[in-house]
Amino acid sequence: MAFGVLSTTSLLAFGVPPATASAVTHVTEIFTTAASGTSHIVHRNVNWRLVARLAPAGMIGGAAGAFILSNVDGKFIEPFVSAYLAGIGFYILFKAIGPLWPREVKDRIVPWIGAGGGLLDAMGGGGWGPIVTGSLIGRGHAPRQVIGSTNLTEFLVTSVISATFILSLGWSELSSASGLILGGVIAAPLGGFLVSRIPTRPLMIGVGIIIVVTSIPRIF
């Protein structure tokens, strides 16, 4: 998780408007999530019932968020986006050190987490992984299956978000995505391999610290 958050934070630091930064990141994520999702399927990290509960709500929330962000002034919303990204970093750190209570996939809040994750992911340029993965792991769902399932689901969510941005902004604004696509596709399959071998908490702590450090300067 956190490809979107880290990529958007970096693009904002180079002066890219929030809507364009989120759009470029999500177009890139179509390819990276396809690669990482396939890797998680191969390594048997996917719970298909969880995917079925997350995907529809996530796609609806994502489309709404992309439409809203495309119609808001970039200079006005940038500090709020950066504050949101920093909040995601602190949220990941909180979830990393909190207790984990076992729960079943039928957990009723799963679709709501998906809808909220999709909405905020599109508006903030990232957050699906931190919000959805962090929340489900924090509620006690099996970390390996949560990470694999949310990565695969993100392919569907980010495809809908990207389509909404393309319709709203046009493709010319998104042509700079090629570099992110190349790097992301090279790195993504490695994640599916590592997640079945590296403890979840250290990964979440590391990601949380990086996001906080890179986001806070953009608020000011």
C-alpha atoms as a PDB file:
ATOM      1  CA  MET A   1       0.000   0.000   0.000  1.00  0.00           C
ATOM      2  CA  ALA A   2       0.862   3.715  -0.249  1.00  0.00           C
ATOM      3  CA  PHE A   3       1.991   3.819  -3.907  1.00  0.00           C
ATOM      4  CA  GLY A   4      -0.745   6.358  -4.613  1.00  0.00           C
ATOM      5  CA  VAL A   5      -0.080   8.454  -1.517  1.00  0.00           C
ATOM      6  CA  LEU A   6       3.687   8.572  -2.076  1.00  0.00           C
ATOM      7  CA  SER A   7       3.360   9.269  -5.815  1.00  0.00           C
ATOM      8  CA  THR A   8       0.814  12.048  -5.349  1.00  0.00           C
ATOM      9  CA  THR A   9       2.855  13.635  -2.559  1.00  0.00           C
ATOM     10  CA  SER A  10       5.918  13.662  -4.831  1.00  0.00           C
ATOM     11  CA  LEU A  11       3.994  15.166  -7.761  1.00  0.00           C
ATOM     12  CA  LEU A  12       2.536  17.903  -5.545  1.00  0.00           C
ATOM     13  CA  ALA A  13       6.065  18.719  -4.384  1.00  0.00           C
ATOM     14  CA  PHE A  14       6.995  19.378  -8.039  1.00  0.00           C
ATOM     15  CA  GLY A  15       4.074  21.780  -8.438  1.00  0.00           C
ATOM     16  CA  VAL A  16       1.600  19.491 -10.238  1.00  0.00           C
ATOM     17  CA  PRO A  17      -2.058  20.545  -9.559  1.00  0.00           C
ATOM     18  CA  PRO A  18      -3.936  18.170  -7.193  1.00  0.00           C
ATOM     19  CA  ALA A  19      -6.452  16.924  -9.775  1.00  0.00           C
ATOM     20  CA  THR A  20      -3.719  16.199 -12.349  1.00  0.00           C
ATOM     21  CA  ALA A  21      -1.487  14.574  -9.712  1.00  0.00           C
ATOM     22  CA  SER A  22      -4.301  12.270  -8.616  1.00  0.00           C
ATOM     23  CA  ALA A  23      -5.261  11.517 -12.229  1.00  0.00           C
ATOM     24  CA  VAL A  24      -1.688  10.655 -13.292  1.00  0.00           C
ATOM     25  CA  THR A  25      -1.248   8.471 -10.220  1.00  0.00           C
ATOM     26  CA  HIS A  26      -4.464   6.569 -10.849  1.00  0.00           C
ATOM     27  CA  VAL A  27      -3.755   5.990 -14.541  1.00  0.00           C
ATOM     28  CA  THR A  28      -0.420   4.541 -13.427  1.00  0.00           C
ATOM     29  CA  GLU A  29      -2.140   2.394 -10.812  1.00  0.00           C
ATOM     30  CA  ILE A  30      -4.176   0.623 -13.482  1.00  0.00           C
ATOM     31  CA  PHE A  31      -0.929  -1.059 -14.509  1.00  0.00           C
ATOM     32  CA  THR A  32       0.682  -1.416 -11.077  1.00  0.00           C
ATOM     33  CA  THR A  33      -2.436  -2.860  -9.446  1.00  0.00           C
ATOM     34  CA  ALA A  34      -2.882  -5.299 -12.328  1.00  0.00           C
ATOM     35  CA  ALA A  35       0.706  -6.462 -11.781  1.00  0.00           C
ATOM     36  CA  SER A  36       0.476  -6.630  -7.991  1.00  0.00           C
ATOM     37  CA  GLY A  37      -3.010  -8.182  -8.057  1.00  0.00           C
ATOM     38  CA  THR A  38      -1.812 -10.942 -10.377  1.00  0.00           C
ATOM     39  CA  SER A  39       1.158 -11.535  -8.096  1.00  0.00           C
ATOM     40  CA  HIS A  40      -1.140 -11.854  -5.061  1.00  0.00           C
ATOM     41  CA  ILE A  41      -3.363 -14.331  -6.924  1.00  0.00           C
ATOM     42  CA  VAL A  42      -0.310 -16.426  -7.769  1.00  0.00           C
ATOM     43  CA  HIS A  43       0.823 -16.376  -4.141  1.00  0.00           C
ATOM     44  CA  ARG A  44      -2.734 -17.200  -2.932  1.00  0.00           C
ATOM     45  CA  ASN A  45      -3.154 -14.017  -0.909  1.00  0.00           C
ATOM     46  CA  VAL A  46      -6.663 -13.212  -2.262  1.00  0.00           C
ATOM     47  CA  ASN A  47      -9.990 -13.819  -0.497  1.00  0.00           C
ATOM     48  CA  TRP A  48     -12.562 -13.585  -3.288  1.00  0.00           C
ATOM     49  CA  ARG A  49     -15.507 -13.018  -0.912  1.00  0.00           C
ATOM     50  CA  LEU A  50     -13.727  -9.968   0.456  1.00  0.00           C
ATOM     51  CA  VAL A  51     -13.100  -8.686  -3.085  1.00  0.00           C
ATOM     52  CA  ALA A  52     -16.811  -9.069  -3.920  1.00  0.00           C
ATOM     53  CA  ARG A  53     -17.793  -7.023  -0.860  1.00  0.00           C
ATOM     54  CA  LEU A  54     -15.243  -4.238  -1.412  1.00  0.00           C
ATOM     55  CA  ALA A  55     -15.264  -3.676  -5.180  1.00  0.00           C
ATOM     56  CA  PRO A  56     -18.773  -2.275  -5.966  1.00  0.00           C
ATOM     57  CA  ALA A  57     -18.764   0.261  -3.138  1.00  0.00           C
ATOM     58  CA  GLY A  58     -15.169   1.240  -3.839  1.00  0.00           C
ATOM     59  CA  MET A  59     -15.876   1.947  -7.506  1.00  0.00           C
ATOM     60  CA  ILE A  60     -18.905   4.136  -6.701  1.00  0.00           C
ATOM     61  CA  GLY A  61     -16.986   6.113  -4.091  1.00  0.00           C
ATOM     62  CA  GLY A  62     -13.993   6.491  -6.406  1.00  0.00           C
ATOM     63  CA  ALA A  63     -16.021   7.871  -9.306  1.00  0.00           C
ATOM     64  CA  ALA A  64     -17.670  10.422  -7.008  1.00  0.00           C
ATOM     65  CA  GLY A  65     -14.332  11.549  -5.574  1.00  0.00           C
ATOM     66  CA  ALA A  66     -12.710  11.971  -8.996  1.00  0.00           C
ATOM     67  CA  PHE A  67     -15.628  14.051 -10.263  1.00  0.00           C
ATOM     68  CA  ILE A  68     -15.521  16.343  -7.213  1.00  0.00           C
ATOM     69  CA  LEU A  69     -11.744  16.874  -7.364  1.00  0.00           C
ATOM     70  CA  SER A  70     -11.858  17.652 -11.102  1.00  0.00           C
ATOM     71  CA  ASN A  71     -14.243  20.536 -10.451  1.00  0.00           C
ATOM     72  CA  VAL A  72     -12.450  22.190  -7.506  1.00  0.00           C
ATOM     73  CA  ASP A  73      -9.710  24.852  -7.792  1.00  0.00           C
ATOM     74  CA  GLY A  74      -6.289  23.203  -7.325  1.00  0.00           C
ATOM     75  CA  LYS A  75      -4.658  25.993  -5.289  1.00  0.00           C
ATOM     76  CA  PHE A  76      -7.564  26.003  -2.858  1.00  0.00           C
ATOM     77  CA  ILE A  77      -7.630  22.275  -2.232  1.00  0.00           C
ATOM     78  CA  GLU A  78      -3.876  21.489  -2.187  1.00  0.00           C
ATOM     79  CA  PRO A  79      -3.316  22.235   1.552  1.00  0.00           C
ATOM     80  CA  PHE A  80      -6.328  20.096   2.422  1.00  0.00           C
ATOM     81  CA  VAL A  81      -5.076  17.228   0.252  1.00  0.00           C
ATOM     82  CA  SER A  82      -1.648  17.427   1.903  1.00  0.00           C
ATOM     83  CA  ALA A  83      -3.237  17.495   5.366  1.00  0.00           C
ATOM     84  CA  TYR A  84      -5.293  14.444   4.406  1.00  0.00           C
ATOM     85  CA  LEU A  85      -2.182  12.606   3.225  1.00  0.00           C
ATOM     86  CA  ALA A  86      -0.364  13.419   6.474  1.00  0.00           C
ATOM     87  CA  GLY A  87      -3.409  12.176   8.376  1.00  0.00           C
ATOM     88  CA  ILE A  88      -3.237   8.912   6.451  1.00  0.00           C
ATOM     89  CA  GLY A  89       0.381   8.543   7.548  1.00  0.00           C
ATOM     90  CA  PHE A  90      -0.543   9.001  11.210  1.00  0.00           C
ATOM     91  CA  TYR A  91      -3.502   6.628  10.729  1.00  0.00           C
ATOM     92  CA  ILE A  92      -1.192   3.907   9.428  1.00  0.00           C
ATOM     93  CA  LEU A  93       1.123   4.372  12.420  1.00  0.00           C
ATOM     94  CA  PHE A  94      -1.863   4.139  14.783  1.00  0.00           C
ATOM     95  CA  LYS A  95      -3.100   0.951  13.127  1.00  0.00           C
ATOM     96  CA  ALA A  96       0.408  -0.518  13.164  1.00  0.00           C
ATOM     97  CA  ILE A  97       0.699  -0.363  16.949  1.00  0.00           C
ATOM     98  CA  GLY A  98      -2.941  -1.097  17.831  1.00  0.00           C
ATOM     99  CA  PRO A  99      -4.331  -4.511  18.876  1.00  0.00           C
ATOM    100  CA  LEU A 100      -5.697  -6.886  16.233  1.00  0.00           C
ATOM    101  CA  TRP A 101      -9.000  -8.634  17.020  1.00  0.00           C
ATOM    102  CA  PRO A 102      -9.948 -11.542  14.688  1.00  0.00           C
ATOM    103  CA  ARG A 103     -13.043 -10.954  12.520  1.00  0.00           C
ATOM    104  CA  GLU A 104     -14.784 -12.740   9.677  1.00  0.00           C
ATOM    105  CA  VAL A 105     -15.125 -11.507   6.072  1.00  0.00           C
ATOM    106  CA  LYS A 106     -18.894 -11.051   6.615  1.00  0.00           C
ATOM    107  CA  ASP A 107     -18.047  -8.040   8.804  1.00  0.00           C
ATOM    108  CA  ARG A 108     -20.869  -5.598   7.913  1.00  0.00           C
ATOM    109  CA  ILE A 109     -18.663  -2.512   7.760  1.00  0.00           C
ATOM    110  CA  VAL A 110     -16.561  -3.858   4.844  1.00  0.00           C
ATOM    111  CA  PRO A 111     -18.613  -2.189   2.029  1.00  0.00           C
ATOM    112  CA  TRP A 112     -18.622   1.127   3.918  1.00  0.00           C
ATOM    113  CA  ILE A 113     -14.857   0.975   4.284  1.00  0.00           C
ATOM    114  CA  GLY A 114     -14.668   0.328   0.524  1.00  0.00           C
ATOM    115  CA  ALA A 115     -16.898   3.301  -0.342  1.00  0.00           C
ATOM    116  CA  GLY A 116     -15.028   5.683   1.952  1.00  0.00           C
ATOM    117  CA  GLY A 117     -11.682   4.399   0.741  1.00  0.00           C
ATOM    118  CA  GLY A 118     -12.624   4.916  -2.911  1.00  0.00           C
ATOM    119  CA  LEU A 119     -13.957   8.446  -2.325  1.00  0.00           C
ATOM    120  CA  LEU A 120     -10.938   9.652  -0.354  1.00  0.00           C
ATOM    121  CA  ASP A 121      -8.485   7.809  -2.598  1.00  0.00           C
ATOM    122  CA  ALA A 122      -9.697   9.738  -5.642  1.00  0.00           C
ATOM    123  CA  MET A 123      -9.874  13.118  -3.891  1.00  0.00           C
ATOM    124  CA  GLY A 124      -6.544  12.761  -2.087  1.00  0.00           C
ATOM    125  CA  GLY A 125      -4.606  11.077  -4.873  1.00  0.00           C
ATOM    126  CA  GLY A 126      -4.134   7.986  -2.741  1.00  0.00           C
ATOM    127  CA  GLY A 127      -5.314   6.296   0.403  1.00  0.00           C
ATOM    128  CA  TRP A 128      -7.093   3.150  -0.746  1.00  0.00           C
ATOM    129  CA  GLY A 129      -4.335   0.976   0.675  1.00  0.00           C
ATOM    130  CA  PRO A 130      -3.843   2.864   3.962  1.00  0.00           C
ATOM    131  CA  ILE A 131      -7.576   3.337   4.627  1.00  0.00           C
ATOM    132  CA  VAL A 132      -8.945  -0.007   3.474  1.00  0.00           C
ATOM    133  CA  THR A 133      -5.982  -2.232   4.268  1.00  0.00           C
ATOM    134  CA  GLY A 134      -5.259  -0.451   7.531  1.00  0.00           C
ATOM    135  CA  SER A 135      -8.904  -0.531   8.638  1.00  0.00           C
ATOM    136  CA  LEU A 136      -9.497  -4.189   7.804  1.00  0.00           C
ATOM    137  CA  ILE A 137      -6.251  -5.309   9.424  1.00  0.00           C
ATOM    138  CA  GLY A 138      -7.057  -3.103  12.413  1.00  0.00           C
ATOM    139  CA  ARG A 139     -10.462  -4.817  12.701  1.00  0.00           C
ATOM    140  CA  GLY A 140      -8.763  -8.195  12.840  1.00  0.00           C
ATOM    141  CA  HIS A 141      -9.021  -9.583   9.308  1.00  0.00           C
ATOM    142  CA  ALA A 142      -6.102 -11.791   8.260  1.00  0.00           C
ATOM    143  CA  PRO A 143      -3.318  -9.412   7.070  1.00  0.00           C
ATOM    144  CA  ARG A 144      -2.113 -11.586   4.204  1.00  0.00           C
ATOM    145  CA  GLN A 145      -5.599 -11.953   2.686  1.00  0.00           C
ATOM    146  CA  VAL A 146      -6.481  -8.304   3.302  1.00  0.00           C
ATOM    147  CA  ILE A 147      -3.371  -7.039   1.518  1.00  0.00           C
ATOM    148  CA  GLY A 148      -3.839  -9.387  -1.421  1.00  0.00           C
ATOM    149  CA  SER A 149      -7.582  -8.740  -1.735  1.00  0.00           C
ATOM    150  CA  THR A 150      -7.381  -4.946  -1.461  1.00  0.00           C
ATOM    151  CA  ASN A 151      -4.558  -4.818  -4.026  1.00  0.00           C
ATOM    152  CA  LEU A 152      -6.621  -6.812  -6.515  1.00  0.00           C
ATOM    153  CA  THR A 153      -9.775  -4.765  -5.779  1.00  0.00           C
ATOM    154  CA  GLU A 154      -7.822  -1.550  -6.262  1.00  0.00           C
ATOM    155  CA  PHE A 155      -7.385  -2.442  -9.949  1.00  0.00           C
ATOM    156  CA  LEU A 156     -11.152  -2.182 -10.426  1.00  0.00           C
ATOM    157  CA  VAL A 157     -11.484   0.949  -8.297  1.00  0.00           C
ATOM    158  CA  THR A 158      -8.597   2.821  -9.907  1.00  0.00           C
ATOM    159  CA  SER A 159      -9.827   1.925 -13.410  1.00  0.00           C
ATOM    160  CA  VAL A 160     -13.139   3.650 -12.679  1.00  0.00           C
ATOM    161  CA  ILE A 161     -11.367   6.643 -11.076  1.00  0.00           C
ATOM    162  CA  SER A 162      -9.024   6.979 -14.068  1.00  0.00           C
ATOM    163  CA  ALA A 163     -11.898   6.838 -16.556  1.00  0.00           C
ATOM    164  CA  THR A 164     -13.679   9.607 -14.636  1.00  0.00           C
ATOM    165  CA  PHE A 165     -10.546  11.796 -14.630  1.00  0.00           C
ATOM    166  CA  ILE A 166      -9.972  11.236 -18.364  1.00  0.00           C
ATOM    167  CA  LEU A 167     -13.547  12.271 -19.130  1.00  0.00           C
ATOM    168  CA  SER A 168     -13.199  15.348 -16.908  1.00  0.00           C
ATOM    169  CA  LEU A 169      -9.645  16.519 -17.693  1.00  0.00           C
ATOM    170  CA  GLY A 170      -8.794  14.955 -21.049  1.00  0.00           C
ATOM    171  CA  TRP A 171      -5.862  12.672 -21.854  1.00  0.00           C
ATOM    172  CA  SER A 172      -3.354  15.474 -22.646  1.00  0.00           C
ATOM    173  CA  GLU A 173      -3.063  16.298 -18.938  1.00  0.00           C
ATOM    174  CA  LEU A 174      -2.054  12.718 -18.130  1.00  0.00           C
ATOM    175  CA  SER A 175       0.660  11.985 -20.696  1.00  0.00           C
ATOM    176  CA  SER A 176       3.412  12.196 -18.043  1.00  0.00           C
ATOM    177  CA  ALA A 177       2.260   8.960 -16.422  1.00  0.00           C
ATOM    178  CA  SER A 178       4.640   6.769 -18.476  1.00  0.00           C
ATOM    179  CA  GLY A 179       7.568   7.085 -16.047  1.00  0.00           C
ATOM    180  CA  LEU A 180       5.451   6.130 -13.041  1.00  0.00           C
ATOM    181  CA  ILE A 181       3.975   3.214 -14.995  1.00  0.00           C
ATOM    182  CA  LEU A 182       7.395   1.790 -15.868  1.00  0.00           C
ATOM    183  CA  GLY A 183       8.774   2.015 -12.335  1.00  0.00           C
ATOM    184  CA  GLY A 184       5.585   0.801 -10.715  1.00  0.00           C
ATOM    185  CA  VAL A 185       5.120  -2.246 -12.938  1.00  0.00           C
ATOM    186  CA  ILE A 186       8.739  -3.284 -12.341  1.00  0.00           C
ATOM    187  CA  ALA A 187       8.353  -2.994  -8.548  1.00  0.00           C
ATOM    188  CA  ALA A 188       4.769  -4.190  -7.989  1.00  0.00           C
ATOM    189  CA  PRO A 189       5.204  -7.971  -8.448  1.00  0.00           C
ATOM    190  CA  LEU A 190       7.896  -7.943  -5.784  1.00  0.00           C
ATOM    191  CA  GLY A 191       5.296  -6.788  -3.254  1.00  0.00           C
ATOM    192  CA  GLY A 192       3.185  -9.914  -3.658  1.00  0.00           C
ATOM    193  CA  PHE A 193       6.245 -12.016  -2.905  1.00  0.00           C
ATOM    194  CA  LEU A 194       7.448  -9.980   0.083  1.00  0.00           C
ATOM    195  CA  VAL A 195       4.081  -9.586   1.822  1.00  0.00           C
ATOM    196  CA  SER A 196       3.881 -13.313   2.536  1.00  0.00           C
ATOM    197  CA  ARG A 197       7.305 -13.188   4.227  1.00  0.00           C
ATOM    198  CA  ILE A 198       7.702  -9.820   5.993  1.00  0.00           C
ATOM    199  CA  PRO A 199       5.738  -8.976   9.199  1.00  0.00           C
ATOM    200  CA  THR A 200       2.924  -6.471   8.670  1.00  0.00           C
ATOM    201  CA  ARG A 201       3.639  -4.059  11.524  1.00  0.00           C
ATOM    202  CA  PRO A 202       7.189  -3.035  10.500  1.00  0.00           C
ATOM    203  CA  LEU A 203       5.968  -2.395   6.941  1.00  0.00           C
ATOM    204  CA  MET A 204       3.086  -0.212   8.157  1.00  0.00           C
ATOM    205  CA  ILE A 205       5.344   1.783  10.504  1.00  0.00           C
ATOM    206  CA  GLY A 206       7.873   2.463   7.732  1.00  0.00           C
ATOM    207  CA  VAL A 207       5.205   3.540   5.249  1.00  0.00           C
ATOM    208  CA  GLY A 208       3.481   5.751   7.815  1.00  0.00           C
ATOM    209  CA  ILE A 209       6.679   7.615   8.692  1.00  0.00           C
ATOM    210  CA  ILE A 210       7.546   8.265   5.025  1.00  0.00           C
ATOM    211  CA  ILE A 211       4.076   9.651   4.250  1.00  0.00           C
ATOM    212  CA  VAL A 212       4.028  11.984   7.267  1.00  0.00           C
ATOM    213  CA  VAL A 213       7.507  13.374   6.557  1.00  0.00           C
ATOM    214  CA  THR A 214       6.748  14.053   2.870  1.00  0.00           C
ATOM    215  CA  SER A 215       3.225  15.464   3.365  1.00  0.00           C
ATOM    216  CA  ILE A 216       3.513  17.927   6.246  1.00  0.00           C
ATOM    217  CA  PRO A 217       5.710  20.497   4.373  1.00  0.00           C
ATOM    218  CA  ARG A 218       3.074  20.748   1.618  1.00  0.00           C
ATOM    219  CA  ILE A 219       0.437  21.913   4.121  1.00  0.00           C
ATOM    220  CA  PHE A 220       2.371  25.130   4.644  1.00  0.00           C
END
